[in-house]
C-alpha atoms as a PDB file:
ATOM      1  CA  MET A   1       0.012   0.087  -0.033  1.00  0.00           C
ATOM      2  CA  PRO A   2       1.523   3.559  -0.779  1.00  0.00           C
ATOM      3  CA  ARG A   3       1.913   5.582   2.277  1.00  0.00           C
ATOM      4  CA  GLN A   4      -0.604   8.412   3.048  1.00  0.00           C
ATOM      5  CA  ALA A   5       1.224  11.671   3.585  1.00  0.00           C
ATOM      6  CA  ALA A   6       0.252  14.123   6.135  1.00  0.00           C
ATOM      7  CA  ASP A   7       0.403  17.112   3.841  1.00  0.00           C
ATOM      8  CA  PRO A   8       0.235  15.848   0.302  1.00  0.00           C
ATOM      9  CA  TYR A   9       2.622  17.367  -2.144  1.00  0.00           C
ATOM     10  CA  PRO A  10       0.226  17.806  -5.262  1.00  0.00           C
ATOM     11  CA  VAL A  11      -2.777  19.546  -3.816  1.00  0.00           C
ATOM     12  CA  VAL A  12      -4.395  22.870  -3.557  1.00  0.00           C
ATOM     13  CA  ARG A  13      -6.346  23.821  -0.473  1.00  0.00           C
ATOM     14  CA  HIS A  14      -9.806  25.574  -0.648  1.00  0.00           C
ATOM     15  CA  GLY A  15     -11.703  25.861   2.450  1.00  0.00           C
ATOM     16  CA  GLY A  16      -9.869  22.873   4.088  1.00  0.00           C
ATOM     17  CA  VAL A  17     -10.632  20.413   1.201  1.00  0.00           C
ATOM     18  CA  LYS A  18      -7.394  19.332  -0.550  1.00  0.00           C
ATOM     19  CA  GLN A  19      -7.675  19.719  -4.361  1.00  0.00           C
ATOM     20  CA  GLY A  20      -5.565  19.813  -7.352  1.00  0.00           C
ATOM     21  CA  GLY A  21      -6.440  20.450 -11.129  1.00  0.00           C
ATOM     22  CA  LEU A  22      -5.349  18.043 -13.788  1.00  0.00           C
ATOM     23  CA  PHE A  23      -5.975  19.099 -17.300  1.00  0.00           C
ATOM     24  CA  TYR A  24      -6.356  16.801 -20.461  1.00  0.00           C
ATOM     25  CA  LEU A  25      -8.589  15.821 -23.068  1.00  0.00           C
ATOM     26  CA  ASN A  26     -11.443  13.189 -22.748  1.00  0.00           C
ATOM     27  CA  PHE A  27      -9.022  10.154 -23.159  1.00  0.00           C
ATOM     28  CA  ARG A  28      -7.336   8.059 -20.642  1.00  0.00           C
ATOM     29  CA  CYS A  29      -4.050   8.159 -22.718  1.00  0.00           C
ATOM     30  CA  ARG A  30      -1.070  10.067 -21.210  1.00  0.00           C
ATOM     31  CA  ALA A  31      -3.084  11.365 -18.166  1.00  0.00           C
ATOM     32  CA  GLU A  32      -4.461   8.213 -16.955  1.00  0.00           C
ATOM     33  CA  ALA A  33      -1.507   7.056 -14.815  1.00  0.00           C
ATOM     34  CA  ILE A  34      -1.637  10.512 -12.874  1.00  0.00           C
ATOM     35  CA  ARG A  35      -5.322  10.060 -12.183  1.00  0.00           C
ATOM     36  CA  MET A  36      -4.710   6.597 -11.083  1.00  0.00           C
ATOM     37  CA  ILE A  37      -2.183   7.635  -8.748  1.00  0.00           C
ATOM     38  CA  LEU A  38      -4.183  10.505  -7.281  1.00  0.00           C
ATOM     39  CA  HIS A  39      -7.216   8.104  -6.839  1.00  0.00           C
ATOM     40  CA  ALA A  40      -5.200   5.373  -5.230  1.00  0.00           C
ATOM     41  CA  ASN A  41      -3.958   7.709  -2.455  1.00  0.00           C
ATOM     42  CA  GLY A  42      -7.350   9.427  -1.854  1.00  0.00           C
ATOM     43  CA  VAL A  43      -6.161  12.764  -3.166  1.00  0.00           C
ATOM     44  CA  PRO A  44      -9.193  14.938  -4.383  1.00  0.00           C
ATOM     45  CA  PHE A  45      -8.523  16.713  -7.514  1.00  0.00           C
ATOM     46  CA  GLU A  46     -10.524  18.379 -10.575  1.00  0.00           C
ATOM     47  CA  ASP A  47     -10.154  16.108 -13.294  1.00  0.00           C
ATOM     48  CA  VAL A  48     -10.692  18.653 -16.227  1.00  0.00           C
ATOM     49  CA  ARG A  49     -11.381  16.883 -19.615  1.00  0.00           C
ATOM     50  CA  PHE A  50     -11.544  19.132 -22.796  1.00  0.00           C
ATOM     51  CA  THR A  51     -13.370  18.231 -25.769  1.00  0.00           C
ATOM     52  CA  MET A  52     -11.491  18.540 -28.849  1.00  0.00           C
ATOM     53  CA  GLU A  53     -13.218  21.760 -29.855  1.00  0.00           C
ATOM     54  CA  GLU A  54     -12.659  23.267 -26.271  1.00  0.00           C
ATOM     55  CA  TRP A  55      -8.926  22.585 -26.491  1.00  0.00           C
ATOM     56  CA  ALA A  56      -8.575  24.170 -29.954  1.00  0.00           C
ATOM     57  CA  GLU A  57      -9.806  27.393 -28.128  1.00  0.00           C
ATOM     58  CA  ARG A  58      -7.769  27.044 -25.150  1.00  0.00           C
ATOM     59  CA  LYS A  59      -4.621  25.566 -26.293  1.00  0.00           C
ATOM     60  CA  HIS A  60      -2.841  28.885 -26.300  1.00  0.00           C
ATOM     61  CA  GLU A  61      -3.322  28.997 -22.388  1.00  0.00           C
ATOM     62  CA  PHE A  62      -0.853  26.107 -21.640  1.00  0.00           C
ATOM     63  CA  PRO A  63       2.883  25.655 -21.713  1.00  0.00           C
ATOM     64  CA  GLY A  64       3.918  24.814 -25.290  1.00  0.00           C
ATOM     65  CA  GLY A  65       0.164  24.056 -26.277  1.00  0.00           C
ATOM     66  CA  LYS A  66       0.715  20.670 -24.782  1.00  0.00           C
ATOM     67  CA  LEU A  67      -1.410  18.411 -22.246  1.00  0.00           C
ATOM     68  CA  PRO A  68      -1.590  16.816 -19.539  1.00  0.00           C
ATOM     69  CA  VAL A  69      -0.875  19.830 -17.262  1.00  0.00           C
ATOM     70  CA  PHE A  70      -1.101  19.496 -13.394  1.00  0.00           C
ATOM     71  CA  GLN A  71      -1.709  22.778 -11.519  1.00  0.00           C
ATOM     72  CA  VAL A  72      -1.465  23.264  -7.623  1.00  0.00           C
ATOM     73  CA  ARG A  73      -1.301  26.000  -5.168  1.00  0.00           C
ATOM     74  CA  GLU A  74       0.449  25.469  -1.980  1.00  0.00           C
ATOM     75  CA  GLU A  75      -1.384  26.328   1.282  1.00  0.00           C
ATOM     76  CA  GLY A  76      -1.051  29.834   2.228  1.00  0.00           C
ATOM     77  CA  SER A  77       0.313  30.928  -1.265  1.00  0.00           C
ATOM     78  CA  GLN A  78      -1.461  32.826  -4.032  1.00  0.00           C
ATOM     79  CA  GLU A  79       1.080  31.250  -6.466  1.00  0.00           C
ATOM     80  CA  THR A  80      -0.017  28.528  -8.783  1.00  0.00           C
ATOM     81  CA  LYS A  81       2.561  26.106  -9.750  1.00  0.00           C
ATOM     82  CA  THR A  82       2.193  24.386 -13.221  1.00  0.00           C
ATOM     83  CA  TYR A  83       3.552  20.795 -13.769  1.00  0.00           C
ATOM     84  CA  THR A  84       3.986  19.415 -17.286  1.00  0.00           C
ATOM     85  CA  GLU A  85       5.121  16.225 -18.957  1.00  0.00           C
ATOM     86  CA  SER A  86       3.056  13.322 -18.176  1.00  0.00           C
ATOM     87  CA  LEU A  87       5.865  11.070 -16.942  1.00  0.00           C
ATOM     88  CA  ALA A  88       7.517  13.589 -14.806  1.00  0.00           C
ATOM     89  CA  ILE A  89       4.151  14.366 -13.138  1.00  0.00           C
ATOM     90  CA  ALA A  90       3.665  10.789 -12.511  1.00  0.00           C
ATOM     91  CA  ARG A  91       6.968  10.233 -11.123  1.00  0.00           C
ATOM     92  CA  ALA A  92       6.772  12.974  -8.878  1.00  0.00           C
ATOM     93  CA  LEU A  93       3.504  11.851  -7.438  1.00  0.00           C
ATOM     94  CA  ALA A  94       4.649   8.339  -7.131  1.00  0.00           C
ATOM     95  CA  LYS A  95       7.846   9.281  -5.392  1.00  0.00           C
ATOM     96  CA  HIS A  96       5.926  11.393  -2.880  1.00  0.00           C
ATOM     97  CA  TYR A  97       3.516   8.459  -2.308  1.00  0.00           C
ATOM     98  CA  GLY A  98       6.089   5.801  -1.817  1.00  0.00           C
ATOM     99  CA  MET A  99       5.370   4.290  -4.957  1.00  0.00           C
ATOM    100  CA  MET A 100       8.802   4.056  -6.811  1.00  0.00           C
ATOM    101  CA  GLY A 101      10.282   1.173  -4.892  1.00  0.00           C
ATOM    102  CA  ASP A 102      12.250   0.932  -1.548  1.00  0.00           C
ATOM    103  CA  SER A 103      15.599   0.126  -3.222  1.00  0.00           C
ATOM    104  CA  LYS A 104      17.859   0.481  -6.294  1.00  0.00           C
ATOM    105  CA  GLU A 105      16.721  -2.993  -7.727  1.00  0.00           C
ATOM    106  CA  GLU A 106      12.989  -2.157  -7.175  1.00  0.00           C
ATOM    107  CA  TYR A 107      13.502   1.346  -8.756  1.00  0.00           C
ATOM    108  CA  TYR A 108      15.031  -0.317 -11.830  1.00  0.00           C
ATOM    109  CA  ARG A 109      11.972  -2.816 -12.027  1.00  0.00           C
ATOM    110  CA  VAL A 110       9.553   0.144 -11.928  1.00  0.00           C
ATOM    111  CA  GLU A 111      11.261   1.971 -14.491  1.00  0.00           C
ATOM    112  CA  ARG A 112      11.667  -1.046 -16.804  1.00  0.00           C
ATOM    113  CA  VAL A 113       7.903  -1.672 -16.940  1.00  0.00           C
ATOM    114  CA  ILE A 114       6.994   1.972 -17.171  1.00  0.00           C
ATOM    115  CA  GLY A 115       9.337   1.925 -20.372  1.00  0.00           C
ATOM    116  CA  GLN A 116       7.824  -1.098 -22.014  1.00  0.00           C
ATOM    117  CA  SER A 117       4.252  -0.013 -21.151  1.00  0.00           C
ATOM    118  CA  ALA A 118       5.043   3.239 -22.902  1.00  0.00           C
ATOM    119  CA  ASP A 119       5.811   1.304 -26.209  1.00  0.00           C
ATOM    120  CA  LEU A 120       2.636  -0.551 -25.974  1.00  0.00           C
ATOM    121  CA  HIS A 121       0.573   2.609 -25.473  1.00  0.00           C
ATOM    122  CA  GLU A 122       2.265   4.463 -28.427  1.00  0.00           C
ATOM    123  CA  LEU A 123       1.192   1.317 -30.602  1.00  0.00           C
ATOM    124  CA  PHE A 124      -2.512   2.149 -30.049  1.00  0.00           C
ATOM    125  CA  VAL A 125      -2.210   5.866 -30.336  1.00  0.00           C
ATOM    126  CA  ARG A 126      -0.549   5.268 -33.822  1.00  0.00           C
ATOM    127  CA  ALA A 127      -3.635   3.213 -34.847  1.00  0.00           C
ATOM    128  CA  PHE A 128      -6.319   5.267 -33.319  1.00  0.00           C
ATOM    129  CA  PHE A 129      -5.207   8.436 -35.198  1.00  0.00           C
ATOM    130  CA  ALA A 130      -4.212   6.714 -38.272  1.00  0.00           C
ATOM    131  CA  PRO A 131      -6.672   7.005 -41.284  1.00  0.00           C
ATOM    132  CA  PRO A 132      -9.652   4.721 -40.774  1.00  0.00           C
ATOM    133  CA  ASP A 133      -8.473   2.339 -43.678  1.00  0.00           C
ATOM    134  CA  GLN A 134      -5.295   1.647 -41.762  1.00  0.00           C
ATOM    135  CA  ARG A 135      -6.560   1.706 -38.130  1.00  0.00           C
ATOM    136  CA  LYS A 136      -7.624  -2.155 -38.010  1.00  0.00           C
ATOM    137  CA  GLU A 137      -4.394  -3.519 -39.741  1.00  0.00           C
ATOM    138  CA  LEU A 138      -2.151  -1.461 -37.202  1.00  0.00           C
ATOM    139  CA  LEU A 139      -4.125  -2.754 -34.233  1.00  0.00           C
ATOM    140  CA  GLU A 140      -4.084  -6.343 -35.361  1.00  0.00           C
ATOM    141  CA  LYS A 141      -0.177  -6.350 -35.959  1.00  0.00           C
ATOM    142  CA  ALA A 142       0.229  -4.942 -32.507  1.00  0.00           C
ATOM    143  CA  MET A 143      -1.987  -7.432 -30.649  1.00  0.00           C
ATOM    144  CA  SER A 144      -0.277 -10.326 -32.629  1.00  0.00           C
ATOM    145  CA  GLU A 145       3.351  -9.125 -32.304  1.00  0.00           C
ATOM    146  CA  GLU A 146       4.311  -6.251 -30.329  1.00  0.00           C
ATOM    147  CA  VAL A 147       1.684  -6.289 -27.223  1.00  0.00           C
ATOM    148  CA  PRO A 148       2.860  -9.863 -26.319  1.00  0.00           C
ATOM    149  CA  ARG A 149       6.787  -8.948 -26.623  1.00  0.00           C
ATOM    150  CA  LEU A 150       6.128  -5.551 -24.580  1.00  0.00           C
ATOM    151  CA  LEU A 151       3.523  -6.351 -22.170  1.00  0.00           C
ATOM    152  CA  ASP A 152       6.245  -4.288 -20.444  1.00  0.00           C
ATOM    153  CA  SER A 153       4.253  -0.845 -20.257  1.00  0.00           C
ATOM    154  CA  ALA A 154       5.578   2.520 -21.600  1.00  0.00           C
ATOM    155  CA  ASP A 155       6.393   0.773 -24.974  1.00  0.00           C
ATOM    156  CA  LEU A 156       2.968  -0.862 -25.108  1.00  0.00           C
ATOM    157  CA  HIS A 157       1.256   2.427 -24.346  1.00  0.00           C
ATOM    158  CA  GLU A 158       2.920   4.044 -27.405  1.00  0.00           C
ATOM    159  CA  LEU A 159       1.945   1.363 -29.709  1.00  0.00           C
ATOM    160  CA  PHE A 160      -1.635   2.150 -29.051  1.00  0.00           C
ATOM    161  CA  VAL A 161      -1.187   5.947 -29.102  1.00  0.00           C
ATOM    162  CA  ARG A 162       0.547   5.787 -32.625  1.00  0.00           C
ATOM    163  CA  ALA A 163      -2.456   3.570 -34.019  1.00  0.00           C
ATOM    164  CA  PHE A 164      -5.175   5.712 -32.307  1.00  0.00           C
ATOM    165  CA  PHE A 165      -3.801   9.049 -33.803  1.00  0.00           C
ATOM    166  CA  ALA A 166      -2.911   7.789 -37.071  1.00  0.00           C
ATOM    167  CA  PRO A 167      -4.675   9.179 -40.315  1.00  0.00           C
ATOM    168  CA  PRO A 168      -8.049   7.648 -40.822  1.00  0.00           C
ATOM    169  CA  ASP A 169      -6.985   5.682 -43.881  1.00  0.00           C
ATOM    170  CA  GLN A 170      -4.191   4.105 -41.965  1.00  0.00           C
ATOM    171  CA  ARG A 171      -5.669   3.503 -38.530  1.00  0.00           C
ATOM    172  CA  LYS A 172      -7.194   0.149 -39.400  1.00  0.00           C
ATOM    173  CA  GLU A 173      -3.948  -1.137 -40.888  1.00  0.00           C
ATOM    174  CA  LEU A 174      -1.955   0.121 -37.933  1.00  0.00           C
ATOM    175  CA  LEU A 175      -4.105  -1.394 -35.274  1.00  0.00           C
ATOM    176  CA  GLU A 176      -4.221  -4.825 -37.077  1.00  0.00           C
ATOM    177  CA  LYS A 177      -0.443  -4.796 -37.483  1.00  0.00           C
ATOM    178  CA  ALA A 178      -0.136  -3.750 -33.897  1.00  0.00           C
ATOM    179  CA  MET A 179      -2.336  -6.474 -32.628  1.00  0.00           C
ATOM    180  CA  SER A 180      -0.709  -9.239 -34.658  1.00  0.00           C
ATOM    181  CA  GLU A 181       2.869  -8.425 -34.260  1.00  0.00           C
ATOM    182  CA  GLU A 182       3.860  -5.766 -31.732  1.00  0.00           C
ATOM    183  CA  VAL A 183       1.451  -6.091 -28.985  1.00  0.00           C
ATOM    184  CA  PRO A 184       2.124  -9.798 -28.384  1.00  0.00           C
ATOM    185  CA  ARG A 185       5.936  -9.011 -28.391  1.00  0.00           C
ATOM    186  CA  LEU A 186       5.571  -6.357 -25.802  1.00  0.00           C
ATOM    187  CA  LEU A 187       3.140  -8.274 -23.590  1.00  0.00           C
ATOM    188  CA  ASP A 188       5.748 -11.256 -23.657  1.00  0.00           C
ATOM    189  CA  LEU A 189       8.437  -8.896 -22.442  1.00  0.00           C
ATOM    190  CA  ILE A 190       6.322  -7.562 -19.685  1.00  0.00           C
ATOM    191  CA  CYS A 191       5.656 -11.151 -18.575  1.00  0.00           C
ATOM    192  CA  ASN A 192       9.097 -11.906 -18.543  1.00  0.00           C
ATOM    193  CA  SER A 193       9.737  -8.752 -16.358  1.00  0.00           C
ATOM    194  CA  LEU A 194       7.254  -9.959 -13.834  1.00  0.00           C
ATOM    195  CA  SER A 195       9.047 -13.250 -13.523  1.00  0.00           C
ATOM    196  CA  ASP A 196      11.856 -11.785 -11.588  1.00  0.00           C
ATOM    197  CA  SER A 197       9.960  -9.175  -9.705  1.00  0.00           C
ATOM    198  CA  GLY A 198      10.505 -10.753  -6.251  1.00  0.00           C
ATOM    199  CA  GLY A 199       6.853 -10.555  -5.383  1.00  0.00           C
ATOM    200  CA  LYS A 200       3.111 -10.538  -6.705  1.00  0.00           C
ATOM    201  CA  PHE A 201       3.680  -6.850  -8.153  1.00  0.00           C
ATOM    202  CA  VAL A 202       5.906  -5.159 -10.622  1.00  0.00           C
ATOM    203  CA  ALA A 203       8.741  -4.376  -8.115  1.00  0.00           C
ATOM    204  CA  GLY A 204       7.982  -6.878  -5.171  1.00  0.00           C
ATOM    205  CA  ASP A 205       5.360  -6.639  -2.655  1.00  0.00           C
ATOM    206  CA  LYS A 206       4.153  -3.043  -2.868  1.00  0.00           C
ATOM    207  CA  VAL A 207       2.068  -1.571  -5.639  1.00  0.00           C
ATOM    208  CA  THR A 208       4.409   0.978  -7.460  1.00  0.00           C
ATOM    209  CA  LEU A 209       3.985   3.382 -10.448  1.00  0.00           C
ATOM    210  CA  GLY A 210       5.248   0.378 -12.605  1.00  0.00           C
ATOM    211  CA  ASP A 211       1.851  -1.484 -11.717  1.00  0.00           C
ATOM    212  CA  ILE A 212      -0.223   1.641 -12.468  1.00  0.00           C
ATOM    213  CA  HIS A 213       1.360   2.215 -15.749  1.00  0.00           C
ATOM    214  CA  LEU A 214       0.890  -1.449 -16.817  1.00  0.00           C
ATOM    215  CA  LEU A 215      -2.822  -1.480 -15.839  1.00  0.00           C
ATOM    216  CA  ALA A 216      -3.322   1.629 -17.744  1.00  0.00           C
ATOM    217  CA  SER A 217      -1.883   0.021 -20.798  1.00  0.00           C
ATOM    218  CA  MET A 218      -3.607  -3.118 -20.553  1.00  0.00           C
ATOM    219  CA  GLU A 219      -6.851  -1.222 -20.792  1.00  0.00           C
ATOM    220  CA  HIS A 220      -5.657  -0.364 -24.449  1.00  0.00           C
ATOM    221  CA  VAL A 221      -5.311  -4.107 -25.028  1.00  0.00           C
ATOM    222  CA  ARG A 222      -8.764  -4.957 -23.608  1.00  0.00           C
ATOM    223  CA  LYS A 223     -10.464  -2.376 -25.635  1.00  0.00           C
ATOM    224  CA  ALA A 224      -8.947  -3.841 -28.934  1.00  0.00           C
ATOM    225  CA  ASP A 225      -9.232  -7.400 -27.968  1.00  0.00           C
ATOM    226  CA  SER A 226     -11.408  -8.262 -25.080  1.00  0.00           C
ATOM    227  CA  GLN A 227     -10.102 -11.961 -25.047  1.00  0.00           C
ATOM    228  CA  LEU A 228      -6.398 -11.597 -25.612  1.00  0.00           C
ATOM    229  CA  LEU A 229      -5.411 -11.152 -22.047  1.00  0.00           C
ATOM    230  CA  GLN A 230      -7.602 -13.947 -20.595  1.00  0.00           C
ATOM    231  CA  THR A 231      -6.570 -16.295 -23.230  1.00  0.00           C
ATOM    232  CA  ASN A 232      -2.785 -15.755 -23.404  1.00  0.00           C
ATOM    233  CA  TYR A 233      -1.976 -13.626 -20.508  1.00  0.00           C
ATOM    234  CA  PRO A 234      -3.798 -14.571 -17.378  1.00  0.00           C
ATOM    235  CA  LYS A 235      -0.500 -13.797 -15.201  1.00  0.00           C
ATOM    236  CA  LEU A 236      -1.481 -10.131 -16.050  1.00  0.00           C
ATOM    237  CA  LEU A 237      -5.115 -10.372 -15.007  1.00  0.00           C
ATOM    238  CA  THR A 238      -3.883 -11.905 -11.706  1.00  0.00           C
ATOM    239  CA  LEU A 239      -1.627  -8.943 -11.121  1.00  0.00           C
ATOM    240  CA  GLU A 240      -4.487  -6.362 -11.946  1.00  0.00           C
ATOM    241  CA  GLU A 241      -6.658  -8.161  -9.447  1.00  0.00           C
ATOM    242  CA  GLU A 242      -4.157  -7.973  -6.812  1.00  0.00           C
ATOM    243  CA  VAL A 243      -3.408  -4.259  -7.422  1.00  0.00           C
ATOM    244  CA  LEU A 244      -7.259  -3.396  -7.292  1.00  0.00           C
ATOM    245  CA  LYS A 245      -7.473  -5.515  -4.120  1.00  0.00           C
ATOM    246  CA  ALA A 246      -4.670  -3.605  -2.451  1.00  0.00           C
ATOM    247  CA  LEU A 247      -5.868  -0.224  -3.443  1.00  0.00           C
ATOM    248  CA  PRO A 248      -9.846  -0.067  -3.176  1.00  0.00           C
ATOM    249  CA  LYS A 249      -9.951   3.686  -4.025  1.00  0.00           C
ATOM    250  CA  LEU A 250      -8.255   2.868  -7.297  1.00  0.00           C
ATOM    251  CA  ALA A 251     -10.492   0.130  -7.866  1.00  0.00           C
ATOM    252  CA  GLU A 252     -13.579   2.303  -7.412  1.00  0.00           C
ATOM    253  CA  TYR A 253     -12.127   4.810  -9.777  1.00  0.00           C
ATOM    254  CA  VAL A 254     -11.474   2.145 -12.367  1.00  0.00           C
ATOM    255  CA  ARG A 255     -15.188   0.851 -12.039  1.00  0.00           C
ATOM    256  CA  THR A 256     -16.634   4.189 -12.601  1.00  0.00           C
ATOM    257  CA  ARG A 257     -14.226   6.277 -14.752  1.00  0.00           C
ATOM    258  CA  PRO A 258     -15.765   7.540 -18.135  1.00  0.00           C
ATOM    259  CA  GLU A 259     -15.616   5.218 -21.148  1.00  0.00           C
ATOM    260  CA  THR A 260     -13.261   6.642 -23.682  1.00  0.00           C
ATOM    261  CA  PRO A 261     -11.854   4.871 -27.007  1.00  0.00           C
ATOM    262  CA  LEU A 262      -8.174   5.596 -25.879  1.00  0.00           C
END
């Protein structure tokens, strides 16, 4: 279980209520690990989800015109701090809540799975934003090849991101290719990483950011093929079950979060 901090780092206080503001689009994508860490630790925050039309109008308000952005104000201060870069935000939060491992070896295991999951995620993003006629192919290629190899987290995440955001005429092809080649390759890698974790989670006997990133990437796979994990990767479903059992507040968020395509 992550530790509960007496005075959480990433929050704004309004009338005694601890709050923070996370700004992103109405996707899981690169903001989901941040949302999951905050929910896991019971930190109230404002989950701002822009539509594409709203984002086009407000893009100029954010650093570099990029999301996600996490904004907080420390108690007693009028200054709002702005944090950018999804992995940097997630790592800072995870470190604060004791979710980056307790030793150098555990830290390495956490970072290893984060990297693998990012690749998996990118596969799906490429396919999703590909042209429609290429999306299915990209997804199938990922699920048959790269997802099983990666099921190692950041790599896995990137696979889906590339497919999801590919031009419409390329999206189908990208998704099919990802699901048939890259996704299986990545999932196999992740399973191999779990074999030497030294416990039931990514880095041992405590839930870490590695587990959070992996669960976020697994959702991309589940959306693309509802049976792949159950049929070929039951070990990953067991890990997911243990994580949600250890973090009931996270489990409640996962159960009730908005349905999004990516």
